[in-house]
């Protein structure tokens, strides 16, 4: 709604009702999942049979809680491991990309920038299949030539990390580049005039200025890594991250444990999202 244009009271109330219904539509499924995480029933559906903590702390079958479900806990650790490496690589490469695109002009810069943005518009499942086919072809050629087995090019955590890194680094680059464009280059020039080396000026002046954006990019990378499913599904091996583990559980039928996991993920995502906003400010 354009506030500068006079609007009738009917239009204003209609607009407010639309906004209210829209946010209810977005929040209602999440609220339902959170509610059924505490339902005293082995089925995640109505009717409401009472309040219970069993789906978080239960220890007896069939009420084993999420904190005692070893497969779930193992997959959370796996997702954390993947997210750590994806975030680290994305921030490192994203920072280098930011300096490349903001500070330098060279032939083919526009083409390279568009190439960097391509993973954002390619469907995740297509990206995963492409990486799997490409890495498998390289592995087959290397194994035929050397007789060695290249596990890193086969489905597994290394491919999952590389697959997620291939598109998450684009987000990190955009976040850090936006911050770098606000930097005053005269501060670096002043440091150079005072005897600092080029790397010393960047390390002591530019990188501290970029730190809020780098930290925010790391938080975003962790969130995107944890929730990624399409690309991960195509590249996963025997060690499945949380999203793939939950998908496998759903094929056998949903249980309130998955609702409990979803609630914990929502709380963690909200906390990290708030942290990202604070760091960017």
C-alpha atoms as a PDB file:
ATOM      1  CA  UNK A   1       0.000   0.000   0.000  1.00  0.00           C
ATOM      2  CA  UNK A   2       1.320   3.456  -0.971  1.00  0.00           C
ATOM      3  CA  UNK A   3       0.870   5.596   2.149  1.00  0.00           C
ATOM      4  CA  UNK A   4       1.249   8.893   0.259  1.00  0.00           C
ATOM      5  CA  UNK A   5      -1.974   8.314  -1.709  1.00  0.00           C
ATOM      6  CA  UNK A   6      -5.294   8.886   0.104  1.00  0.00           C
ATOM      7  CA  UNK A   7      -7.099   5.586   0.726  1.00  0.00           C
ATOM      8  CA  UNK A   8     -10.664   4.874   1.744  1.00  0.00           C
ATOM      9  CA  UNK A   9     -11.320   3.295   5.135  1.00  0.00           C
ATOM     10  CA  UNK A  10     -12.729   0.193   3.402  1.00  0.00           C
ATOM     11  CA  UNK A  11      -9.522  -0.301   1.448  1.00  0.00           C
ATOM     12  CA  UNK A  12      -7.390   0.172   4.589  1.00  0.00           C
ATOM     13  CA  UNK A  13      -9.343  -2.421   6.575  1.00  0.00           C
ATOM     14  CA  UNK A  14      -9.276  -4.842   3.626  1.00  0.00           C
ATOM     15  CA  UNK A  15      -5.538  -4.400   3.320  1.00  0.00           C
ATOM     16  CA  UNK A  16      -5.006  -4.965   7.040  1.00  0.00           C
ATOM     17  CA  UNK A  17      -7.187  -8.076   6.971  1.00  0.00           C
ATOM     18  CA  UNK A  18      -5.207  -9.426   4.013  1.00  0.00           C
ATOM     19  CA  UNK A  19      -1.884  -8.866   5.806  1.00  0.00           C
ATOM     20  CA  UNK A  20      -3.234 -10.518   8.970  1.00  0.00           C
ATOM     21  CA  UNK A  21      -4.525 -13.566   7.080  1.00  0.00           C
ATOM     22  CA  UNK A  22      -1.263 -13.825   5.151  1.00  0.00           C
ATOM     23  CA  UNK A  23       0.840 -14.018   8.312  1.00  0.00           C
ATOM     24  CA  UNK A  24      -1.624 -16.430   9.923  1.00  0.00           C
ATOM     25  CA  UNK A  25      -1.283 -18.622   6.835  1.00  0.00           C
ATOM     26  CA  UNK A  26       2.500 -18.564   7.204  1.00  0.00           C
ATOM     27  CA  UNK A  27       2.564 -19.159  10.955  1.00  0.00           C
ATOM     28  CA  UNK A  28      -0.252 -21.688  11.388  1.00  0.00           C
ATOM     29  CA  UNK A  29       1.679 -24.744  10.086  1.00  0.00           C
ATOM     30  CA  UNK A  30       4.643 -23.868  12.317  1.00  0.00           C
ATOM     31  CA  UNK A  31       2.407 -23.411  15.351  1.00  0.00           C
ATOM     32  CA  UNK A  32       0.714 -26.755  14.610  1.00  0.00           C
ATOM     33  CA  UNK A  33       4.074 -28.545  14.454  1.00  0.00           C
ATOM     34  CA  UNK A  34       5.139 -26.955  17.749  1.00  0.00           C
ATOM     35  CA  UNK A  35       1.867 -27.932  19.448  1.00  0.00           C
ATOM     36  CA  UNK A  36       2.014 -31.581  18.368  1.00  0.00           C
ATOM     37  CA  UNK A  37       5.583 -31.828  19.666  1.00  0.00           C
ATOM     38  CA  UNK A  38       3.949 -31.831  23.146  1.00  0.00           C
ATOM     39  CA  UNK A  39       0.915 -33.983  22.362  1.00  0.00           C
ATOM     40  CA  UNK A  40       0.619 -37.094  24.568  1.00  0.00           C
ATOM     41  CA  UNK A  41      -0.067 -39.380  21.598  1.00  0.00           C
ATOM     42  CA  UNK A  42       2.082 -41.648  19.438  1.00  0.00           C
ATOM     43  CA  UNK A  43       0.445 -40.114  16.346  1.00  0.00           C
ATOM     44  CA  UNK A  44       1.155 -36.492  15.344  1.00  0.00           C
ATOM     45  CA  UNK A  45      -2.498 -35.661  14.754  1.00  0.00           C
ATOM     46  CA  UNK A  46      -5.736 -34.766  16.499  1.00  0.00           C
ATOM     47  CA  UNK A  47      -7.231 -35.252  19.008  1.00  0.00           C
ATOM     48  CA  UNK A  48      -5.187 -33.569  21.710  1.00  0.00           C
ATOM     49  CA  UNK A  49      -4.494 -36.195  24.382  1.00  0.00           C
ATOM     50  CA  UNK A  50      -2.659 -34.039  26.912  1.00  0.00           C
ATOM     51  CA  UNK A  51       0.706 -32.415  27.474  1.00  0.00           C
ATOM     52  CA  UNK A  52       3.951 -34.408  27.626  1.00  0.00           C
ATOM     53  CA  UNK A  53       7.732 -33.970  27.410  1.00  0.00           C
ATOM     54  CA  UNK A  54       8.221 -37.557  26.222  1.00  0.00           C
ATOM     55  CA  UNK A  55       9.043 -36.574  22.638  1.00  0.00           C
ATOM     56  CA  UNK A  56      12.020 -34.617  23.945  1.00  0.00           C
ATOM     57  CA  UNK A  57      13.216 -36.623  26.965  1.00  0.00           C
ATOM     58  CA  UNK A  58      11.449 -40.006  26.751  1.00  0.00           C
ATOM     59  CA  UNK A  59      13.595 -43.133  27.155  1.00  0.00           C
ATOM     60  CA  UNK A  60      11.169 -46.033  26.600  1.00  0.00           C
ATOM     61  CA  UNK A  61       9.825 -47.406  23.316  1.00  0.00           C
ATOM     62  CA  UNK A  62       7.730 -46.122  21.563  1.00  0.00           C
ATOM     63  CA  UNK A  63       8.230 -42.809  23.377  1.00  0.00           C
ATOM     64  CA  UNK A  64      11.943 -42.316  22.833  1.00  0.00           C
ATOM     65  CA  UNK A  65      12.586 -38.570  22.844  1.00  0.00           C
ATOM     66  CA  UNK A  66      14.767 -36.667  20.426  1.00  0.00           C
ATOM     67  CA  UNK A  67      17.559 -36.299  23.013  1.00  0.00           C
ATOM     68  CA  UNK A  68      17.773 -40.093  23.250  1.00  0.00           C
ATOM     69  CA  UNK A  69      17.389 -40.884  19.542  1.00  0.00           C
ATOM     70  CA  UNK A  70      20.921 -41.793  18.492  1.00  0.00           C
ATOM     71  CA  UNK A  71      20.254 -41.662  14.711  1.00  0.00           C
ATOM     72  CA  UNK A  72      18.766 -38.165  15.067  1.00  0.00           C
ATOM     73  CA  UNK A  73      21.591 -36.944  17.307  1.00  0.00           C
ATOM     74  CA  UNK A  74      24.171 -38.442  14.931  1.00  0.00           C
ATOM     75  CA  UNK A  75      22.579 -36.665  11.985  1.00  0.00           C
ATOM     76  CA  UNK A  76      22.572 -33.352  13.894  1.00  0.00           C
ATOM     77  CA  UNK A  77      26.305 -33.747  14.536  1.00  0.00           C
ATOM     78  CA  UNK A  78      26.806 -34.544  10.846  1.00  0.00           C
ATOM     79  CA  UNK A  79      24.827 -31.454   9.824  1.00  0.00           C
ATOM     80  CA  UNK A  80      26.890 -29.357  12.240  1.00  0.00           C
ATOM     81  CA  UNK A  81      30.121 -30.713  10.772  1.00  0.00           C
ATOM     82  CA  UNK A  82      28.966 -29.963   7.228  1.00  0.00           C
ATOM     83  CA  UNK A  83      27.667 -26.501   8.197  1.00  0.00           C
ATOM     84  CA  UNK A  84      30.971 -25.588   9.874  1.00  0.00           C
ATOM     85  CA  UNK A  85      33.049 -26.375   6.793  1.00  0.00           C
ATOM     86  CA  UNK A  86      30.539 -24.858   4.376  1.00  0.00           C
ATOM     87  CA  UNK A  87      30.398 -21.629   6.396  1.00  0.00           C
ATOM     88  CA  UNK A  88      34.192 -21.455   6.746  1.00  0.00           C
ATOM     89  CA  UNK A  89      34.835 -22.022   3.048  1.00  0.00           C
ATOM     90  CA  UNK A  90      31.997 -19.712   1.987  1.00  0.00           C
ATOM     91  CA  UNK A  91      33.222 -16.808   4.127  1.00  0.00           C
ATOM     92  CA  UNK A  92      36.834 -17.294   3.027  1.00  0.00           C
ATOM     93  CA  UNK A  93      36.056 -17.494  -0.685  1.00  0.00           C
ATOM     94  CA  UNK A  94      33.272 -14.906  -0.402  1.00  0.00           C
ATOM     95  CA  UNK A  95      35.705 -12.394   1.112  1.00  0.00           C
ATOM     96  CA  UNK A  96      38.192 -13.004  -1.707  1.00  0.00           C
ATOM     97  CA  UNK A  97      35.390 -12.658  -4.257  1.00  0.00           C
ATOM     98  CA  UNK A  98      34.279  -9.395  -2.680  1.00  0.00           C
ATOM     99  CA  UNK A  99      37.743  -7.889  -3.049  1.00  0.00           C
ATOM    100  CA  UNK A 100      37.941  -9.196  -6.612  1.00  0.00           C
ATOM    101  CA  UNK A 101      34.624  -7.752  -7.794  1.00  0.00           C
ATOM    102  CA  UNK A 102      34.661  -4.504  -5.789  1.00  0.00           C
ATOM    103  CA  UNK A 103      38.307  -3.490  -6.001  1.00  0.00           C
ATOM    104  CA  UNK A 104      39.417  -4.697  -9.438  1.00  0.00           C
ATOM    105  CA  UNK A 105      38.429  -4.229 -13.070  1.00  0.00           C
ATOM    106  CA  UNK A 106      39.527  -6.852 -15.579  1.00  0.00           C
ATOM    107  CA  UNK A 107      38.353  -8.365 -18.882  1.00  0.00           C
ATOM    108  CA  UNK A 108      35.457 -10.749 -18.410  1.00  0.00           C
ATOM    109  CA  UNK A 109      34.493  -9.379 -14.990  1.00  0.00           C
ATOM    110  CA  UNK A 110      30.798  -9.120 -15.870  1.00  0.00           C
ATOM    111  CA  UNK A 111      30.740 -12.656 -17.270  1.00  0.00           C
ATOM    112  CA  UNK A 112      32.483 -14.017 -14.181  1.00  0.00           C
ATOM    113  CA  UNK A 113      30.021 -12.184 -11.927  1.00  0.00           C
ATOM    114  CA  UNK A 114      27.048 -13.660 -13.797  1.00  0.00           C
ATOM    115  CA  UNK A 115      28.693 -17.085 -13.588  1.00  0.00           C
ATOM    116  CA  UNK A 116      28.942 -16.668  -9.821  1.00  0.00           C
ATOM    117  CA  UNK A 117      25.212 -15.878  -9.622  1.00  0.00           C
ATOM    118  CA  UNK A 118      24.103 -18.867 -11.708  1.00  0.00           C
ATOM    119  CA  UNK A 119      23.809 -21.309  -8.743  1.00  0.00           C
ATOM    120  CA  UNK A 120      21.082 -19.055  -7.321  1.00  0.00           C
ATOM    121  CA  UNK A 121      18.737 -19.739 -10.243  1.00  0.00           C
ATOM    122  CA  UNK A 122      19.631 -23.382 -10.878  1.00  0.00           C
ATOM    123  CA  UNK A 123      17.304 -25.800  -9.013  1.00  0.00           C
ATOM    124  CA  UNK A 124      19.103 -27.505  -6.145  1.00  0.00           C
ATOM    125  CA  UNK A 125      18.371 -31.004  -7.387  1.00  0.00           C
ATOM    126  CA  UNK A 126      19.820 -30.169 -10.832  1.00  0.00           C
ATOM    127  CA  UNK A 127      22.894 -28.713  -9.176  1.00  0.00           C
ATOM    128  CA  UNK A 128      23.319 -31.839  -7.063  1.00  0.00           C
ATOM    129  CA  UNK A 129      22.932 -34.186 -10.024  1.00  0.00           C
ATOM    130  CA  UNK A 130      25.406 -32.147 -12.079  1.00  0.00           C
ATOM    131  CA  UNK A 131      28.029 -32.230  -9.324  1.00  0.00           C
ATOM    132  CA  UNK A 132      27.489 -35.964  -8.811  1.00  0.00           C
ATOM    133  CA  UNK A 133      27.838 -36.789 -12.516  1.00  0.00           C
ATOM    134  CA  UNK A 134      30.883 -34.545 -12.917  1.00  0.00           C
ATOM    135  CA  UNK A 135      32.708 -35.869  -9.849  1.00  0.00           C
ATOM    136  CA  UNK A 136      31.872 -39.483 -10.696  1.00  0.00           C
ATOM    137  CA  UNK A 137      33.237 -39.052 -14.224  1.00  0.00           C
ATOM    138  CA  UNK A 138      36.493 -37.615 -12.852  1.00  0.00           C
ATOM    139  CA  UNK A 139      36.734 -40.396 -10.257  1.00  0.00           C
ATOM    140  CA  UNK A 140      36.216 -43.081 -12.899  1.00  0.00           C
ATOM    141  CA  UNK A 141      38.941 -41.641 -15.127  1.00  0.00           C
ATOM    142  CA  UNK A 142      41.402 -41.269 -12.254  1.00  0.00           C
ATOM    143  CA  UNK A 143      40.721 -44.776 -10.991  1.00  0.00           C
ATOM    144  CA  UNK A 144      41.169 -46.253 -14.474  1.00  0.00           C
ATOM    145  CA  UNK A 145      44.448 -44.376 -14.889  1.00  0.00           C
ATOM    146  CA  UNK A 146      45.941 -44.967 -11.449  1.00  0.00           C
ATOM    147  CA  UNK A 147      44.162 -47.999 -10.026  1.00  0.00           C
ATOM    148  CA  UNK A 148      43.452 -46.030  -6.822  1.00  0.00           C
ATOM    149  CA  UNK A 149      40.092 -45.403  -5.177  1.00  0.00           C
ATOM    150  CA  UNK A 150      39.077 -41.744  -4.810  1.00  0.00           C
ATOM    151  CA  UNK A 151      36.502 -41.690  -2.000  1.00  0.00           C
ATOM    152  CA  UNK A 152      36.338 -37.895  -1.934  1.00  0.00           C
ATOM    153  CA  UNK A 153      34.797 -37.839  -5.417  1.00  0.00           C
ATOM    154  CA  UNK A 154      32.116 -40.378  -4.526  1.00  0.00           C
ATOM    155  CA  UNK A 155      28.852 -39.627  -2.659  1.00  0.00           C
ATOM    156  CA  UNK A 156      29.708 -38.658   0.906  1.00  0.00           C
ATOM    157  CA  UNK A 157      30.328 -35.724   3.214  1.00  0.00           C
ATOM    158  CA  UNK A 158      33.063 -34.197   1.041  1.00  0.00           C
ATOM    159  CA  UNK A 159      30.710 -33.969  -1.940  1.00  0.00           C
ATOM    160  CA  UNK A 160      27.915 -32.663   0.304  1.00  0.00           C
ATOM    161  CA  UNK A 161      30.214 -29.892   1.555  1.00  0.00           C
ATOM    162  CA  UNK A 162      31.358 -29.017  -1.967  1.00  0.00           C
ATOM    163  CA  UNK A 163      27.799 -29.118  -3.291  1.00  0.00           C
ATOM    164  CA  UNK A 164      26.449 -26.761  -0.640  1.00  0.00           C
ATOM    165  CA  UNK A 165      29.520 -24.557  -0.887  1.00  0.00           C
ATOM    166  CA  UNK A 166      28.953 -24.132  -4.638  1.00  0.00           C
ATOM    167  CA  UNK A 167      25.856 -21.957  -4.102  1.00  0.00           C
ATOM    168  CA  UNK A 168      26.091 -20.754  -0.501  1.00  0.00           C
ATOM    169  CA  UNK A 169      29.367 -18.962  -1.272  1.00  0.00           C
ATOM    170  CA  UNK A 170      27.375 -16.738  -3.646  1.00  0.00           C
ATOM    171  CA  UNK A 171      25.273 -15.435  -0.753  1.00  0.00           C
ATOM    172  CA  UNK A 172      28.407 -14.839   1.317  1.00  0.00           C
ATOM    173  CA  UNK A 173      29.964 -12.926  -1.572  1.00  0.00           C
ATOM    174  CA  UNK A 174      26.936 -10.659  -1.945  1.00  0.00           C
ATOM    175  CA  UNK A 175      26.720  -9.909   1.792  1.00  0.00           C
ATOM    176  CA  UNK A 176      30.422  -9.127   2.158  1.00  0.00           C
ATOM    177  CA  UNK A 177      30.567  -7.150  -1.114  1.00  0.00           C
ATOM    178  CA  UNK A 178      27.745  -4.897   0.065  1.00  0.00           C
ATOM    179  CA  UNK A 179      29.769  -4.067   3.176  1.00  0.00           C
ATOM    180  CA  UNK A 180      33.026  -3.567   1.283  1.00  0.00           C
ATOM    181  CA  UNK A 181      31.402  -1.059  -1.076  1.00  0.00           C
ATOM    182  CA  UNK A 182      30.773   1.202   1.940  1.00  0.00           C
ATOM    183  CA  UNK A 183      34.445   1.158   2.953  1.00  0.00           C
ATOM    184  CA  UNK A 184      36.473   4.358   2.476  1.00  0.00           C
ATOM    185  CA  UNK A 185      39.700   3.426   0.586  1.00  0.00           C
ATOM    186  CA  UNK A 186      41.397   6.552   1.944  1.00  0.00           C
ATOM    187  CA  UNK A 187      41.739   4.767   5.303  1.00  0.00           C
ATOM    188  CA  UNK A 188      43.950   2.135   3.675  1.00  0.00           C
ATOM    189  CA  UNK A 189      45.905   4.843   1.872  1.00  0.00           C
ATOM    190  CA  UNK A 190      46.528   6.611   5.170  1.00  0.00           C
ATOM    191  CA  UNK A 191      47.858   3.389   6.675  1.00  0.00           C
ATOM    192  CA  UNK A 192      50.150   2.876   3.672  1.00  0.00           C
ATOM    193  CA  UNK A 193      51.471   6.436   4.018  1.00  0.00           C
ATOM    194  CA  UNK A 194      52.274   5.692   7.650  1.00  0.00           C
ATOM    195  CA  UNK A 195      54.448   2.725   6.657  1.00  0.00           C
ATOM    196  CA  UNK A 196      52.031  -0.199   6.778  1.00  0.00           C
ATOM    197  CA  UNK A 197      52.305  -2.920   4.175  1.00  0.00           C
ATOM    198  CA  UNK A 198      49.396  -3.617   1.831  1.00  0.00           C
ATOM    199  CA  UNK A 199      48.474  -6.790   3.715  1.00  0.00           C
ATOM    200  CA  UNK A 200      49.013  -5.042   7.058  1.00  0.00           C
ATOM    201  CA  UNK A 201      46.567  -2.291   6.109  1.00  0.00           C
ATOM    202  CA  UNK A 202      43.963  -4.829   5.009  1.00  0.00           C
ATOM    203  CA  UNK A 203      44.471  -6.964   8.133  1.00  0.00           C
ATOM    204  CA  UNK A 204      44.304  -4.083  10.623  1.00  0.00           C
ATOM    205  CA  UNK A 205      41.734  -1.805   8.956  1.00  0.00           C
ATOM    206  CA  UNK A 206      39.691  -3.418   6.189  1.00  0.00           C
ATOM    207  CA  UNK A 207      39.038  -6.862   7.677  1.00  0.00           C
ATOM    208  CA  UNK A 208      37.834  -5.478  11.047  1.00  0.00           C
ATOM    209  CA  UNK A 209      35.472  -3.245   9.084  1.00  0.00           C
ATOM    210  CA  UNK A 210      34.210  -6.316   7.179  1.00  0.00           C
ATOM    211  CA  UNK A 211      33.914  -8.522  10.265  1.00  0.00           C
ATOM    212  CA  UNK A 212      30.183  -7.848  10.936  1.00  0.00           C
ATOM    213  CA  UNK A 213      29.342  -8.816   7.339  1.00  0.00           C
ATOM    214  CA  UNK A 214      31.630 -11.855   7.488  1.00  0.00           C
ATOM    215  CA  UNK A 215      30.025 -13.018  10.730  1.00  0.00           C
ATOM    216  CA  UNK A 216      26.530 -12.447   9.340  1.00  0.00           C
ATOM    217  CA  UNK A 217      27.466 -14.348   6.178  1.00  0.00           C
ATOM    218  CA  UNK A 218      28.725 -17.238   8.320  1.00  0.00           C
ATOM    219  CA  UNK A 219      25.430 -17.368  10.226  1.00  0.00           C
ATOM    220  CA  UNK A 220      23.443 -17.339   6.968  1.00  0.00           C
ATOM    221  CA  UNK A 221      25.681 -20.085   5.569  1.00  0.00           C
ATOM    222  CA  UNK A 222      25.085 -22.266   8.642  1.00  0.00           C
ATOM    223  CA  UNK A 223      21.320 -21.804   8.377  1.00  0.00           C
ATOM    224  CA  UNK A 224      21.267 -22.550   4.656  1.00  0.00           C
ATOM    225  CA  UNK A 225      23.480 -25.600   5.118  1.00  0.00           C
ATOM    226  CA  UNK A 226      21.280 -27.044   7.870  1.00  0.00           C
ATOM    227  CA  UNK A 227      18.054 -26.644   5.890  1.00  0.00           C
ATOM    228  CA  UNK A 228      19.368 -27.698   2.491  1.00  0.00           C
ATOM    229  CA  UNK A 229      17.775 -30.871   1.185  1.00  0.00           C
ATOM    230  CA  UNK A 230      17.660 -31.091  -2.623  1.00  0.00           C
ATOM    231  CA  UNK A 231      21.378 -30.762  -3.306  1.00  0.00           C
ATOM    232  CA  UNK A 232      22.310 -32.794  -0.230  1.00  0.00           C
ATOM    233  CA  UNK A 233      20.018 -35.679  -1.169  1.00  0.00           C
ATOM    234  CA  UNK A 234      21.847 -36.164  -4.472  1.00  0.00           C
ATOM    235  CA  UNK A 235      25.323 -36.176  -2.895  1.00  0.00           C
ATOM    236  CA  UNK A 236      24.846 -37.892   0.481  1.00  0.00           C
ATOM    237  CA  UNK A 237      26.570 -41.141   1.380  1.00  0.00           C
ATOM    238  CA  UNK A 238      26.234 -43.340   4.447  1.00  0.00           C
ATOM    239  CA  UNK A 239      26.491 -40.390   6.881  1.00  0.00           C
ATOM    240  CA  UNK A 240      23.194 -38.559   6.371  1.00  0.00           C
ATOM    241  CA  UNK A 241      22.636 -34.970   7.576  1.00  0.00           C
ATOM    242  CA  UNK A 242      19.504 -34.097   9.525  1.00  0.00           C
ATOM    243  CA  UNK A 243      17.260 -33.152   6.590  1.00  0.00           C
ATOM    244  CA  UNK A 244      17.912 -36.470   4.816  1.00  0.00           C
ATOM    245  CA  UNK A 245      17.414 -38.422   8.052  1.00  0.00           C
ATOM    246  CA  UNK A 246      14.063 -36.715   8.646  1.00  0.00           C
ATOM    247  CA  UNK A 247      13.035 -37.461   5.061  1.00  0.00           C
ATOM    248  CA  UNK A 248      13.877 -41.146   5.554  1.00  0.00           C
ATOM    249  CA  UNK A 249      11.811 -41.177   8.747  1.00  0.00           C
ATOM    250  CA  UNK A 250       8.839 -39.603   6.971  1.00  0.00           C
ATOM    251  CA  UNK A 251       8.823 -42.416   4.419  1.00  0.00           C
ATOM    252  CA  UNK A 252       8.080 -44.790   7.321  1.00  0.00           C
ATOM    253  CA  UNK A 253       5.420 -42.495   8.775  1.00  0.00           C
ATOM    254  CA  UNK A 254       5.576 -39.260  10.724  1.00  0.00           C
ATOM    255  CA  UNK A 255       6.034 -39.368  14.501  1.00  0.00           C
ATOM    256  CA  UNK A 256       5.919 -36.648  17.178  1.00  0.00           C
ATOM    257  CA  UNK A 257       9.721 -36.947  17.448  1.00  0.00           C
ATOM    258  CA  UNK A 258       9.995 -35.209  14.082  1.00  0.00           C
ATOM    259  CA  UNK A 259       7.762 -32.433  15.414  1.00  0.00           C
ATOM    260  CA  UNK A 260      10.109 -32.068  18.374  1.00  0.00           C
ATOM    261  CA  UNK A 261      13.120 -31.890  16.047  1.00  0.00           C
ATOM    262  CA  UNK A 262      11.331 -29.295  13.922  1.00  0.00           C
ATOM    263  CA  UNK A 263      10.608 -27.178  16.995  1.00  0.00           C
ATOM    264  CA  UNK A 264      14.253 -27.266  18.066  1.00  0.00           C
ATOM    265  CA  UNK A 265      15.340 -26.322  14.545  1.00  0.00           C
ATOM    266  CA  UNK A 266      12.913 -23.386  14.491  1.00  0.00           C
ATOM    267  CA  UNK A 267      14.250 -22.114  17.815  1.00  0.00           C
ATOM    268  CA  UNK A 268      17.872 -22.483  16.688  1.00  0.00           C
ATOM    269  CA  UNK A 269      17.148 -20.816  13.331  1.00  0.00           C
ATOM    270  CA  UNK A 270      15.372 -17.910  15.022  1.00  0.00           C
ATOM    271  CA  UNK A 271      18.279 -17.425  17.431  1.00  0.00           C
ATOM    272  CA  UNK A 272      20.845 -17.490  14.614  1.00  0.00           C
ATOM    273  CA  UNK A 273      18.702 -15.165  12.495  1.00  0.00           C
ATOM    274  CA  UNK A 274      18.536 -12.625  15.322  1.00  0.00           C
ATOM    275  CA  UNK A 275      22.279 -12.981  15.818  1.00  0.00           C
ATOM    276  CA  UNK A 276      22.807 -12.290  12.112  1.00  0.00           C
ATOM    277  CA  UNK A 277      20.738  -9.095  12.314  1.00  0.00           C
ATOM    278  CA  UNK A 278      22.637  -7.924  15.391  1.00  0.00           C
ATOM    279  CA  UNK A 279      26.014  -8.590  13.761  1.00  0.00           C
ATOM    280  CA  UNK A 280      25.055  -6.747  10.567  1.00  0.00           C
ATOM    281  CA  UNK A 281      24.012  -3.701  12.572  1.00  0.00           C
END
